[in-house]
Amino acid sequence: MTKEEELIRAGADAIIAGDWDLAVSLFTEAYNLGSGSAAFNLSEMYKTGMGVAQDHGKHQYWLERSKELGYIPRPNRDLNACKSVPKPKKVIPKKQTLIGRVLSLFS
């Protein structure tokens, strides 16, 4: 595990423990070592106001830093991105529906 990964993991542990200042410090240190993931984590914290004052400018700043480092978030990491993805409709074949079964009795 790289130093950046250790810092990110420790930052996540700090969030779970509710130590927001430590999380920001650890993510910032990981960013300074070249981690786009850490910059993205900071952008999400500022976007949602999780442990920090919600700040759109800081959110954009950290999001741009993450992009500059080539970090591409997976959709399941960004909950707002997931909200815009429509859920697939479940298609039930006609024969499996109650009406389909009843009609099949008369065919």
C-alpha atoms as a PDB file:
ATOM      1  CA  MET A   1       0.000   0.000   0.000  1.00  0.00           C
ATOM      2  CA  THR A   2       1.363   3.425  -0.952  1.00  0.00           C
ATOM      3  CA  LYS A   3       1.684   6.340   1.450  1.00  0.00           C
ATOM      4  CA  GLU A   4      -1.201   8.087  -0.375  1.00  0.00           C
ATOM      5  CA  GLU A   5      -3.422   5.027   0.049  1.00  0.00           C
ATOM      6  CA  GLU A   6      -2.545   4.805   3.742  1.00  0.00           C
ATOM      7  CA  LEU A   7      -3.471   8.460   4.208  1.00  0.00           C
ATOM      8  CA  ILE A   8      -6.760   8.045   2.350  1.00  0.00           C
ATOM      9  CA  ARG A   9      -7.650   4.979   4.414  1.00  0.00           C
ATOM     10  CA  ALA A  10      -6.765   6.863   7.617  1.00  0.00           C
ATOM     11  CA  GLY A  11      -8.876   9.797   6.388  1.00  0.00           C
ATOM     12  CA  ALA A  12     -11.844   7.487   5.838  1.00  0.00           C
ATOM     13  CA  ASP A  13     -11.337   6.059   9.336  1.00  0.00           C
ATOM     14  CA  ALA A  14     -11.258   9.624  10.715  1.00  0.00           C
ATOM     15  CA  ILE A  15     -14.600  10.349   9.006  1.00  0.00           C
ATOM     16  CA  ILE A  16     -16.123   7.232  10.552  1.00  0.00           C
ATOM     17  CA  ALA A  17     -14.811   8.354  13.944  1.00  0.00           C
ATOM     18  CA  GLY A  18     -16.246  11.843  13.379  1.00  0.00           C
ATOM     19  CA  ASP A  19     -12.825  13.538  13.405  1.00  0.00           C
ATOM     20  CA  TRP A  20     -13.466  15.824  10.454  1.00  0.00           C
ATOM     21  CA  ASP A  21     -10.426  18.059  10.949  1.00  0.00           C
ATOM     22  CA  LEU A  22      -8.144  15.038  10.890  1.00  0.00           C
ATOM     23  CA  ALA A  23      -9.858  13.729   7.750  1.00  0.00           C
ATOM     24  CA  VAL A  24      -9.341  17.035   5.934  1.00  0.00           C
ATOM     25  CA  SER A  25      -5.706  17.101   7.060  1.00  0.00           C
ATOM     26  CA  LEU A  26      -5.053  13.526   5.914  1.00  0.00           C
ATOM     27  CA  PHE A  27      -6.777  13.990   2.551  1.00  0.00           C
ATOM     28  CA  THR A  28      -4.856  17.224   1.986  1.00  0.00           C
ATOM     29  CA  GLU A  29      -1.576  15.486   2.778  1.00  0.00           C
ATOM     30  CA  ALA A  30      -2.447  12.659   0.383  1.00  0.00           C
ATOM     31  CA  TYR A  31      -3.298  15.238  -2.307  1.00  0.00           C
ATOM     32  CA  ASN A  32       0.087  16.905  -1.767  1.00  0.00           C
ATOM     33  CA  LEU A  33       1.665  13.511  -2.510  1.00  0.00           C
ATOM     34  CA  GLY A  34      -0.258  13.357  -5.808  1.00  0.00           C
ATOM     35  CA  SER A  35      -3.557  11.647  -4.976  1.00  0.00           C
ATOM     36  CA  GLY A  36      -6.494  12.639  -7.175  1.00  0.00           C
ATOM     37  CA  SER A  37      -8.729  10.424  -5.049  1.00  0.00           C
ATOM     38  CA  ALA A  38      -7.928  12.510  -1.967  1.00  0.00           C
ATOM     39  CA  ALA A  39      -8.793  15.700  -3.863  1.00  0.00           C
ATOM     40  CA  PHE A  40     -12.084  14.126  -4.930  1.00  0.00           C
ATOM     41  CA  ASN A  41     -12.860  13.149  -1.329  1.00  0.00           C
ATOM     42  CA  LEU A  42     -12.279  16.761  -0.273  1.00  0.00           C
ATOM     43  CA  SER A  43     -14.525  18.003  -3.095  1.00  0.00           C
ATOM     44  CA  GLU A  44     -17.311  15.693  -1.910  1.00  0.00           C
ATOM     45  CA  MET A  45     -16.930  16.878   1.681  1.00  0.00           C
ATOM     46  CA  TYR A  46     -17.321  20.508   0.591  1.00  0.00           C
ATOM     47  CA  LYS A  47     -20.152  19.668  -1.811  1.00  0.00           C
ATOM     48  CA  THR A  48     -22.223  17.941   0.865  1.00  0.00           C
ATOM     49  CA  GLY A  49     -21.055  19.893   3.916  1.00  0.00           C
ATOM     50  CA  MET A  50     -19.911  16.635   5.503  1.00  0.00           C
ATOM     51  CA  GLY A  51     -17.784  17.747   8.459  1.00  0.00           C
ATOM     52  CA  VAL A  52     -17.001  21.108   6.866  1.00  0.00           C
ATOM     53  CA  ALA A  53     -19.011  24.180   5.935  1.00  0.00           C
ATOM     54  CA  GLN A  54     -20.674  23.544   2.584  1.00  0.00           C
ATOM     55  CA  ASP A  55     -18.727  25.577   0.030  1.00  0.00           C
ATOM     56  CA  HIS A  56     -19.407  25.370  -3.704  1.00  0.00           C
ATOM     57  CA  GLY A  57     -16.168  27.196  -4.557  1.00  0.00           C
ATOM     58  CA  LYS A  58     -14.007  24.782  -2.563  1.00  0.00           C
ATOM     59  CA  HIS A  59     -15.969  21.868  -4.010  1.00  0.00           C
ATOM     60  CA  GLN A  60     -15.128  23.057  -7.547  1.00  0.00           C
ATOM     61  CA  TYR A  61     -11.498  23.765  -6.595  1.00  0.00           C
ATOM     62  CA  TRP A  62     -10.902  20.244  -5.274  1.00  0.00           C
ATOM     63  CA  LEU A  63     -12.876  18.657  -8.102  1.00  0.00           C
ATOM     64  CA  GLU A  64     -10.621  20.415 -10.636  1.00  0.00           C
ATOM     65  CA  ARG A  65      -7.505  19.287  -8.722  1.00  0.00           C
ATOM     66  CA  SER A  66      -8.745  15.686  -8.866  1.00  0.00           C
ATOM     67  CA  LYS A  67      -9.328  15.964 -12.623  1.00  0.00           C
ATOM     68  CA  GLU A  68      -5.876  17.480 -13.145  1.00  0.00           C
ATOM     69  CA  LEU A  69      -4.404  14.397 -11.497  1.00  0.00           C
ATOM     70  CA  GLY A  70      -6.421  12.146 -13.802  1.00  0.00           C
ATOM     71  CA  TYR A  71      -8.842  10.867 -11.195  1.00  0.00           C
ATOM     72  CA  ILE A  72     -12.137   9.667 -12.662  1.00  0.00           C
ATOM     73  CA  PRO A  73     -14.765   8.837 -10.019  1.00  0.00           C
ATOM     74  CA  ARG A  74     -16.852   5.721 -10.385  1.00  0.00           C
ATOM     75  CA  PRO A  75     -20.585   6.472 -10.504  1.00  0.00           C
ATOM     76  CA  ASN A  76     -21.294   4.547  -7.295  1.00  0.00           C
ATOM     77  CA  ARG A  77     -18.943   6.899  -5.437  1.00  0.00           C
ATOM     78  CA  ASP A  78     -20.908   9.981  -6.409  1.00  0.00           C
ATOM     79  CA  LEU A  79     -24.447   9.513  -5.139  1.00  0.00           C
ATOM     80  CA  ASN A  80     -25.764  12.513  -7.062  1.00  0.00           C
ATOM     81  CA  ALA A  81     -24.561  10.979 -10.324  1.00  0.00           C
ATOM     82  CA  CYS A  82     -26.451   7.804  -9.461  1.00  0.00           C
ATOM     83  CA  LYS A  83     -29.699   9.715  -8.928  1.00  0.00           C
ATOM     84  CA  SER A  84     -29.752  10.744 -12.604  1.00  0.00           C
ATOM     85  CA  VAL A  85     -29.393   7.174 -13.886  1.00  0.00           C
ATOM     86  CA  PRO A  86     -32.841   5.715 -14.561  1.00  0.00           C
ATOM     87  CA  LYS A  87     -33.570   2.364 -13.000  1.00  0.00           C
ATOM     88  CA  PRO A  88     -34.235  -0.388 -15.539  1.00  0.00           C
ATOM     89  CA  LYS A  89     -37.838  -1.485 -15.833  1.00  0.00           C
ATOM     90  CA  LYS A  90     -38.525  -5.081 -14.941  1.00  0.00           C
ATOM     91  CA  VAL A  91     -40.170  -6.777 -17.895  1.00  0.00           C
ATOM     92  CA  ILE A  92     -42.336  -9.757 -17.039  1.00  0.00           C
ATOM     93  CA  PRO A  93     -42.945 -12.106 -19.965  1.00  0.00           C
ATOM     94  CA  LYS A  94     -46.642 -12.390 -20.763  1.00  0.00           C
ATOM     95  CA  LYS A  95     -46.730 -16.103 -19.923  1.00  0.00           C
ATOM     96  CA  GLN A  96     -45.514 -15.413 -16.376  1.00  0.00           C
ATOM     97  CA  THR A  97     -48.277 -12.975 -15.527  1.00  0.00           C
ATOM     98  CA  LEU A  98     -51.536 -14.204 -14.036  1.00  0.00           C
ATOM     99  CA  ILE A  99     -53.469 -13.004 -17.082  1.00  0.00           C
ATOM    100  CA  GLY A 100     -50.987 -14.783 -19.367  1.00  0.00           C
ATOM    101  CA  ARG A 101     -51.464 -18.033 -17.448  1.00  0.00           C
ATOM    102  CA  VAL A 102     -55.245 -17.782 -17.535  1.00  0.00           C
ATOM    103  CA  LEU A 103     -55.231 -17.002 -21.246  1.00  0.00           C
ATOM    104  CA  SER A 104     -52.927 -19.947 -21.903  1.00  0.00           C
ATOM    105  CA  LEU A 105     -55.579 -22.271 -20.472  1.00  0.00           C
ATOM    106  CA  PHE A 106     -57.901 -21.295 -23.314  1.00  0.00           C
ATOM    107  CA  SER A 107     -55.346 -21.498 -26.106  1.00  0.00           C
END
